[in-house]
Amino acid sequence: MEKFITLTLACILYFGTSLNSGTTYKIWVPPVSDKQATIMSPLQITTNGKTIVVPMVNSEELECMSKNIYFEAAMESTAGKLAVAQVTMNRVNSSRYPNTVCKVITQGRHYKNGFPVKDRCQFSWYCDGKLDVPPTTGSMWKQSQEVAKYVLSTPSLMDITDGATHYHADYISSPRWADPRRKTVEIDTHIFYNKARRAVKKT
């Protein structure tokens, strides 16, 4: 994928400059380290002295985020999908969790063959033993992709979960970790919690 992106951008650079359009491109080569940023460094395009920035989202991270939104919140509203994505990003940005979207989502116990141990992961869909292939022609998958791309390409986005790193469905019994004093918001069928937030004492 990195080679494809680099080749594509190189072609843009070659044909753009050969036409003497007055446009120059600052090419960025994606990193290959495991610690690569969730939001890829942007492509800067300068035309007649004016520079614009085009966000480039890591395709693997986009796929992981899209699946997480789809399998966790396909039936939720846009706000519900956005909230799930923001919990994922809050974990990425926390020192307590892995630093990429894919690693946050797949965090948990795995067998030696790489398959996750059933019901021993952070997001239930990933280790429920079912086939994780979304219907790519469906509208809900498309919506999940759109929300994922929006969140990944908008790092300054206001967090509607108030820093939540956990959530659970409102139709199940509250998990042991669900401290009501750390609850931040309820959106659709999910209740969100910020476990790093100082517990509010009841008066």
Protein backbone atom coordinates (compact mmCIF):
# COMPACT_ATOMS: atom_id res chain seq x y z
CA MET A 1 0.00 0.00 0.00
CA GLU A 2 2.85 2.40 0.88
CA LYS A 3 4.49 1.74 -2.50
CA PHE A 4 1.20 2.32 -4.31
CA ILE A 5 0.59 5.65 -2.57
CA THR A 6 4.14 6.79 -3.22
CA LEU A 7 3.93 5.82 -6.90
CA THR A 8 0.58 7.59 -7.30
CA LEU A 9 1.85 10.79 -5.74
CA ALA A 10 5.01 10.64 -7.82
CA CYS A 11 2.90 10.46 -10.99
CA ILE A 12 0.91 13.48 -9.83
CA LEU A 13 4.13 15.37 -9.24
CA TYR A 14 5.57 14.43 -12.64
CA PHE A 15 2.55 15.29 -14.75
CA GLY A 16 1.69 18.37 -12.68
CA THR A 17 5.12 19.96 -13.12
CA SER A 18 5.47 18.88 -16.77
CA LEU A 19 2.40 20.91 -17.64
CA ASN A 20 3.95 23.98 -15.99
CA SER A 21 0.74 24.60 -14.06
CA GLY A 22 2.36 26.63 -11.33
CA THR A 23 1.49 23.91 -8.84
CA THR A 24 4.09 22.15 -6.72
CA TYR A 25 3.65 19.21 -4.38
CA LYS A 26 5.42 18.27 -1.21
CA ILE A 27 5.47 14.49 -1.24
CA TRP A 28 5.33 12.57 2.02
CA VAL A 29 6.32 8.90 2.18
CA PRO A 30 4.21 6.91 4.70
CA PRO A 31 6.18 5.42 7.60
CA VAL A 32 6.44 1.67 7.98
CA SER A 33 7.05 1.60 11.74
CA ASP A 34 4.51 -0.01 14.06
CA LYS A 35 4.37 3.36 15.80
CA GLN A 36 3.04 5.16 12.73
CA ALA A 37 0.62 7.97 13.41
CA THR A 38 -3.11 7.31 13.17
CA ILE A 39 -3.51 10.43 11.04
CA MET A 40 -1.00 10.33 8.23
CA SER A 41 1.04 13.45 7.60
CA PRO A 42 -0.79 15.59 5.03
CA LEU A 43 0.01 16.23 1.40
CA GLN A 44 0.75 19.93 1.01
CA ILE A 45 -0.20 21.38 -2.38
CA THR A 46 1.00 24.84 -3.37
CA THR A 47 -0.67 26.64 -6.27
CA ASN A 48 0.42 30.15 -7.28
CA GLY A 49 1.96 30.72 -3.87
CA LYS A 50 -1.07 29.46 -1.92
CA THR A 51 -0.74 26.23 0.08
CA ILE A 52 -3.58 23.90 0.94
CA VAL A 53 -3.37 20.75 3.06
CA VAL A 54 -5.05 17.53 1.96
CA PRO A 55 -5.43 15.02 4.84
CA MET A 56 -4.25 11.51 4.01
CA VAL A 57 -5.83 8.82 6.18
CA ASN A 58 -4.05 5.52 6.71
CA SER A 59 -6.17 2.97 4.82
CA GLU A 60 -5.57 0.18 7.34
CA GLU A 61 -6.57 2.38 10.26
CA LEU A 62 -9.63 3.52 8.32
CA GLU A 63 -10.68 -0.10 7.74
CA CYS A 64 -10.25 -0.96 11.43
CA MET A 65 -12.21 2.09 12.58
CA SER A 66 -14.96 1.49 10.03
CA LYS A 67 -15.40 -2.10 11.24
CA ASN A 68 -15.46 -1.03 14.87
CA ILE A 69 -18.15 1.54 14.18
CA TYR A 70 -20.15 -0.88 12.06
CA PHE A 71 -20.09 -3.86 14.41
CA GLU A 72 -20.55 -1.77 17.55
CA ALA A 73 -23.01 0.86 16.33
CA ALA A 74 -24.41 0.05 12.87
CA MET A 75 -27.98 0.58 14.11
CA GLU A 76 -27.13 3.70 16.09
CA SER A 77 -27.59 7.30 14.99
CA THR A 78 -24.74 9.32 13.54
CA ALA A 79 -24.05 10.58 17.06
CA GLY A 80 -23.93 6.99 18.31
CA LYS A 81 -21.44 6.01 15.61
CA LEU A 82 -19.37 9.10 16.29
CA ALA A 83 -19.28 8.32 20.02
CA VAL A 84 -17.90 4.82 19.43
CA ALA A 85 -15.22 6.27 17.17
CA GLN A 86 -14.28 8.86 19.76
CA VAL A 87 -13.91 6.24 22.50
CA THR A 88 -11.51 4.45 20.16
CA MET A 89 -9.53 7.64 19.60
CA ASN A 90 -9.49 8.46 23.32
CA ARG A 91 -7.79 5.13 23.88
CA VAL A 92 -5.32 5.76 21.05
CA ASN A 93 -4.42 9.08 22.68
CA SER A 94 -4.08 7.55 26.16
CA SER A 95 -0.80 6.14 27.48
CA ARG A 96 -2.78 3.26 28.98
CA TYR A 97 -3.61 1.78 25.58
CA PRO A 98 -1.89 1.01 22.26
CA ASN A 99 -1.14 3.99 20.01
CA THR A 100 -2.94 2.97 16.81
CA VAL A 101 -6.60 2.37 16.03
CA CYS A 102 -6.08 -1.21 14.88
CA LYS A 103 -4.07 -2.16 17.97
CA VAL A 104 -6.64 -0.58 20.29
CA ILE A 105 -9.45 -2.53 18.64
CA THR A 106 -7.61 -5.87 18.57
CA GLN A 107 -6.17 -5.54 22.07
CA GLY A 108 -6.71 -8.66 24.14
CA ARG A 109 -5.62 -12.26 24.53
CA HIS A 110 -4.77 -14.22 21.37
CA TYR A 111 -3.93 -17.83 20.62
CA LYS A 112 -0.56 -18.67 19.11
CA ASN A 113 -2.18 -18.81 15.66
CA GLY A 114 -3.22 -15.16 16.02
CA PHE A 115 -6.94 -15.70 16.59
CA PRO A 116 -8.45 -13.85 19.57
CA VAL A 117 -9.56 -15.78 22.62
CA LYS A 118 -13.36 -15.69 22.74
CA ASP A 119 -14.80 -12.97 24.96
CA ARG A 120 -11.34 -11.81 26.08
CA CYS A 121 -10.99 -8.57 24.14
CA GLN A 122 -11.92 -4.89 24.42
CA PHE A 123 -14.63 -4.72 21.74
CA SER A 124 -16.94 -7.74 21.80
CA TRP A 125 -17.40 -8.13 18.05
CA TYR A 126 -13.70 -8.81 17.56
CA CYS A 127 -13.66 -11.91 19.76
CA ASP A 128 -17.21 -13.25 19.56
CA GLY A 129 -16.23 -16.08 17.23
CA LYS A 130 -18.27 -14.74 14.31
CA LEU A 131 -17.07 -13.85 10.83
CA ASP A 132 -16.18 -10.15 10.79
CA VAL A 133 -16.99 -9.28 7.19
CA PRO A 134 -19.36 -6.33 6.79
CA PRO A 135 -21.76 -6.18 3.83
CA THR A 136 -19.73 -3.69 1.81
CA THR A 137 -22.65 -2.76 -0.42
CA GLY A 138 -24.93 -1.77 2.45
CA SER A 139 -25.75 1.81 3.46
CA MET A 140 -24.82 1.20 7.10
CA TRP A 141 -21.31 0.13 6.11
CA LYS A 142 -20.95 3.22 3.94
CA GLN A 143 -22.11 5.43 6.82
CA SER A 144 -19.63 3.73 9.15
CA GLN A 145 -16.82 4.43 6.67
CA GLU A 146 -17.85 8.08 6.36
CA VAL A 147 -17.89 8.60 10.12
CA ALA A 148 -14.54 6.80 10.47
CA LYS A 149 -12.89 8.97 7.82
CA TYR A 150 -14.34 12.12 9.34
CA VAL A 151 -13.02 11.32 12.82
CA LEU A 152 -9.58 10.22 11.63
CA SER A 153 -9.11 13.28 9.46
CA THR A 154 -10.38 15.75 12.09
CA PRO A 155 -8.06 15.53 15.10
CA SER A 156 -9.47 18.74 16.58
CA LEU A 157 -13.01 17.33 16.64
CA MET A 158 -14.95 18.10 19.82
CA ASP A 159 -15.43 14.94 21.89
CA ILE A 160 -19.14 14.36 22.54
CA THR A 161 -18.31 11.60 25.04
CA ASP A 162 -16.31 13.92 27.34
CA GLY A 163 -13.20 11.77 27.22
CA ALA A 164 -14.89 8.38 27.59
CA THR A 165 -12.68 5.31 27.24
CA HIS A 166 -15.38 2.73 27.99
CA TYR A 167 -19.02 2.06 27.23
CA HIS A 168 -21.58 -0.70 27.44
CA ALA A 169 -25.06 -1.32 26.09
CA ASP A 170 -27.94 -0.16 28.27
CA TYR A 171 -29.76 -3.48 27.85
CA ILE A 172 -27.17 -5.52 29.78
CA SER A 173 -26.28 -5.57 33.47
CA SER A 174 -23.61 -3.03 34.31
CA PRO A 175 -20.09 -4.54 34.16
CA ARG A 176 -17.95 -4.47 37.30
CA TRP A 177 -15.85 -1.63 35.91
CA ALA A 178 -18.87 0.62 35.28
CA ASP A 179 -18.59 3.14 38.11
CA PRO A 180 -21.70 5.36 37.89
CA ARG A 181 -19.65 8.25 39.29
CA ARG A 182 -17.51 8.17 36.12
CA LYS A 183 -20.42 8.08 33.71
CA THR A 184 -20.22 10.88 31.15
CA VAL A 185 -23.17 10.52 28.78
CA GLU A 186 -25.80 8.18 27.30
CA ILE A 187 -26.14 8.13 23.52
CA ASP A 188 -28.66 5.82 21.85
CA THR A 189 -28.22 2.39 23.47
CA HIS A 190 -24.74 3.01 24.92
CA ILE A 191 -23.65 4.38 28.29
CA PHE A 192 -20.21 6.00 28.31
CA TYR A 193 -17.61 6.27 31.07
CA ASN A 194 -14.35 8.16 31.51
CA LYS A 195 -12.31 5.92 33.81
CA ALA A 196 -9.54 8.51 34.03
CA ARG A 197 -12.01 11.07 35.28
CA ARG A 198 -12.01 11.80 38.98
CA ALA A 199 -15.01 10.21 40.59
CA VAL A 200 -17.66 12.73 41.63
CA LYS A 201 -18.68 12.21 45.23
CA LYS A 202 -22.38 12.06 45.91
CA THR A 203 -23.67 14.73 48.26
